[in-house]
C-alpha cells in the first residue's frame, strides 16, 4: 500500500490578517510526479550503463515511490566509478575461475578482499556506455525530466 505524505500547512500573518495554505490536496499529484520522475531517470540512465550480461540493467529499480533509483551491489559502484579495482592487500585484480568446458570463466576476488581503485580507467564494450551514467543522462534529459515532473505536479 502506498503511504500518503503529509504536507505541512503554510501560515502567513501580517498587516492584521492571517493566511493558512494547506498543500494536502496536491499530495496525489506530487506522488505521481515523483514516481514518474524516478522511472524517467532509470530509463534515461540505461542507454549509458555498461552492458555485458544485462544483469546490472535488469536488477536496477526505483523505490520509495520513485524518490530513489537503485543500481544494486558493489558491481554497480565499480562500474559507476569507472576505475579498475584491485585487492588492497595483493594489489592484483580478480582471478579467472573456470565454469566448465569451452574456456568460459568468471572473475572473482579472494574472499574478504577490500578493493581499492587504481588510476586505470575501465573500458566498456558499448560505445555509448560510460562511467557516471546518471550525470550523462541528466545532461541529456534533465530539462525534460523537470518539465515533465512540473506538468504532472501541476506546475505548468
Protein backbone atom coordinates (compact mmCIF):
# COMPACT_ATOMS: atom_id res chain seq x y z
CA UNK A 1 0.00 0.00 0.00
CA UNK A 2 1.34 3.40 -0.99
CA UNK A 3 1.87 5.66 2.00
CA UNK A 4 0.49 9.15 1.69
CA UNK A 5 2.80 12.00 2.56
CA UNK A 6 1.54 14.67 4.89
CA UNK A 7 2.32 18.14 3.63
CA UNK A 8 2.61 20.94 6.16
CA UNK A 9 0.43 23.99 6.00
CA UNK A 10 1.98 27.36 5.31
CA UNK A 11 0.88 30.23 7.53
CA UNK A 12 1.41 33.90 6.83
CA UNK A 13 0.49 36.52 9.39
CA UNK A 14 0.84 40.21 8.63
CA UNK A 15 -0.96 43.52 8.47
CA UNK A 16 -3.88 42.33 10.55
CA UNK A 17 -4.68 39.14 8.63
CA UNK A 18 -3.69 35.51 8.60
CA UNK A 19 -3.50 33.12 5.62
CA UNK A 20 -3.28 29.33 6.04
CA UNK A 21 -2.38 27.35 2.93
CA UNK A 22 -2.73 23.59 3.05
CA UNK A 23 -0.93 21.52 0.41
CA UNK A 24 -2.58 18.16 1.21
CA UNK A 25 -4.85 18.37 -1.81
CA UNK A 26 -1.78 18.27 -4.06
CA UNK A 27 -0.25 15.16 -2.49
CA UNK A 28 -1.62 12.83 -5.18
CA UNK A 29 -0.16 14.98 -7.96
CA UNK A 30 3.18 15.25 -6.17
CA UNK A 31 3.31 11.47 -5.66
CA UNK A 32 2.56 10.84 -9.35
CA UNK A 33 5.24 13.32 -10.38
CA UNK A 34 7.78 11.68 -8.06
CA UNK A 35 7.04 8.19 -9.37
CA UNK A 36 7.19 9.41 -12.98
CA UNK A 37 10.49 11.19 -12.38
CA UNK A 38 12.10 8.11 -10.81
CA UNK A 39 11.05 5.93 -13.73
CA UNK A 40 12.32 8.50 -16.25
CA UNK A 41 15.68 8.77 -14.51
CA UNK A 42 16.07 4.98 -14.54
CA UNK A 43 15.08 4.73 -18.21
CA UNK A 44 17.36 7.64 -19.12
CA UNK A 45 20.36 6.03 -17.45
CA UNK A 46 20.03 2.62 -19.11
CA UNK A 47 21.49 3.56 -22.53
CA UNK A 48 24.65 4.85 -20.83
CA UNK A 49 25.14 1.91 -18.46
CA UNK A 50 27.75 -0.73 -19.27
CA UNK A 51 26.15 -3.85 -20.68
CA UNK A 52 27.81 -7.22 -20.87
CA UNK A 53 25.28 -9.70 -19.49
CA UNK A 54 22.45 -7.24 -18.83
CA UNK A 55 22.47 -8.13 -15.14
CA UNK A 56 23.05 -4.59 -13.86
CA UNK A 57 20.31 -3.07 -16.01
CA UNK A 58 17.84 -5.85 -15.14
CA UNK A 59 18.49 -5.51 -11.40
CA UNK A 60 18.26 -1.70 -11.29
CA UNK A 61 14.96 -0.31 -9.96
CA UNK A 62 13.19 2.56 -8.25
CA UNK A 63 11.96 2.55 -4.68
CA UNK A 64 10.19 4.87 -2.25
CA UNK A 65 7.63 5.67 -4.95
CA UNK A 66 10.28 6.94 -7.35
CA UNK A 67 12.21 9.03 -4.84
CA UNK A 68 15.24 6.74 -5.11
CA UNK A 69 16.81 5.00 -8.11
CA UNK A 70 18.88 1.95 -7.13
CA UNK A 71 21.77 0.47 -9.07
CA UNK A 72 22.47 -2.51 -6.78
CA UNK A 73 25.57 -4.05 -5.39
CA UNK A 74 29.24 -3.36 -5.33
CA UNK A 75 29.34 -4.27 -9.02
CA UNK A 76 27.37 -1.11 -9.88
CA UNK A 77 29.69 1.06 -7.79
CA UNK A 78 32.70 -0.43 -9.52
CA UNK A 79 31.29 0.28 -12.97
CA UNK A 80 29.96 3.72 -12.00
CA UNK A 81 33.34 4.89 -10.72
CA UNK A 82 34.95 3.72 -13.96
CA UNK A 83 38.29 2.71 -12.45
CA UNK A 84 39.97 -0.68 -12.44
CA UNK A 85 39.85 -2.04 -8.87
CA UNK A 86 42.48 -4.21 -7.22
CA UNK A 87 42.79 -6.11 -3.96
CA UNK A 88 44.19 -3.69 -1.35
CA UNK A 89 46.48 -6.40 0.10
CA UNK A 90 47.79 -8.12 -3.03
CA UNK A 91 47.47 -5.22 -5.48
CA UNK A 92 46.07 -7.69 -8.01
CA UNK A 93 42.83 -7.89 -9.93
CA UNK A 94 40.35 -10.76 -9.89
CA UNK A 95 41.28 -14.34 -10.77
CA UNK A 96 39.71 -16.24 -13.64
CA UNK A 97 37.60 -19.10 -12.28
CA UNK A 98 36.69 -21.75 -14.90
CA UNK A 99 32.98 -22.53 -15.09
CA UNK A 100 33.06 -25.52 -17.39
CA UNK A 101 34.43 -26.82 -20.65
CA UNK A 102 34.94 -24.44 -23.51
CA UNK A 103 37.10 -21.92 -21.72
CA UNK A 104 34.26 -19.97 -20.07
CA UNK A 105 35.19 -18.32 -16.79
CA UNK A 106 34.04 -15.80 -14.21
CA UNK A 107 36.16 -13.23 -12.42
CA UNK A 108 36.41 -13.34 -8.62
CA UNK A 109 38.49 -11.57 -6.00
CA UNK A 110 39.70 -13.51 -2.97
CA UNK A 111 37.13 -13.86 -0.20
CA UNK A 112 37.04 -10.78 2.05
CA UNK A 113 39.16 -8.67 -0.27
CA UNK A 114 38.84 -4.91 0.18
CA UNK A 115 39.04 -3.27 -3.21
CA UNK A 116 40.76 0.00 -3.99
CA UNK A 117 40.65 1.95 -7.25
CA UNK A 118 43.65 2.38 -9.49
CA UNK A 119 44.22 5.24 -11.91
CA UNK A 120 43.42 2.98 -14.87
CA UNK A 121 40.04 3.60 -16.48
CA UNK A 122 37.64 0.79 -17.28
CA UNK A 123 36.96 0.10 -20.95
CA UNK A 124 33.32 -0.54 -21.82
CA UNK A 125 32.38 -2.62 -24.86
CA UNK A 126 29.47 -0.40 -25.94
CA UNK A 127 30.34 2.96 -27.47
CA UNK A 128 27.58 4.82 -25.57
CA UNK A 129 28.36 3.27 -22.16
CA UNK A 130 30.15 5.50 -19.69
CA UNK A 131 31.04 5.77 -16.05
CA UNK A 132 28.89 8.20 -14.05
CA UNK A 133 25.93 7.33 -16.30
CA UNK A 134 23.47 9.35 -14.20
CA UNK A 135 25.35 12.57 -14.93
CA UNK A 136 25.34 11.78 -18.66
CA UNK A 137 21.59 11.04 -18.61
CA UNK A 138 20.90 14.20 -16.59
CA UNK A 139 22.88 16.26 -19.08
CA UNK A 140 20.83 14.86 -21.96
CA UNK A 141 17.37 14.54 -20.38
CA UNK A 142 17.39 16.69 -17.24
CA UNK A 143 15.38 19.58 -18.68
CA UNK A 144 12.66 17.24 -19.96
CA UNK A 145 12.58 15.44 -16.59
CA UNK A 146 12.00 18.75 -14.82
CA UNK A 147 9.34 19.89 -17.27
CA UNK A 148 7.52 16.56 -17.10
CA UNK A 149 7.52 16.46 -13.31
CA UNK A 150 6.28 20.07 -13.15
CA UNK A 151 3.48 19.29 -15.59
CA UNK A 152 2.32 16.25 -13.62
CA UNK A 153 2.60 18.08 -10.28
CA UNK A 154 0.51 20.94 -11.66
CA UNK A 155 3.25 23.50 -12.02
CA UNK A 156 2.52 24.23 -15.70
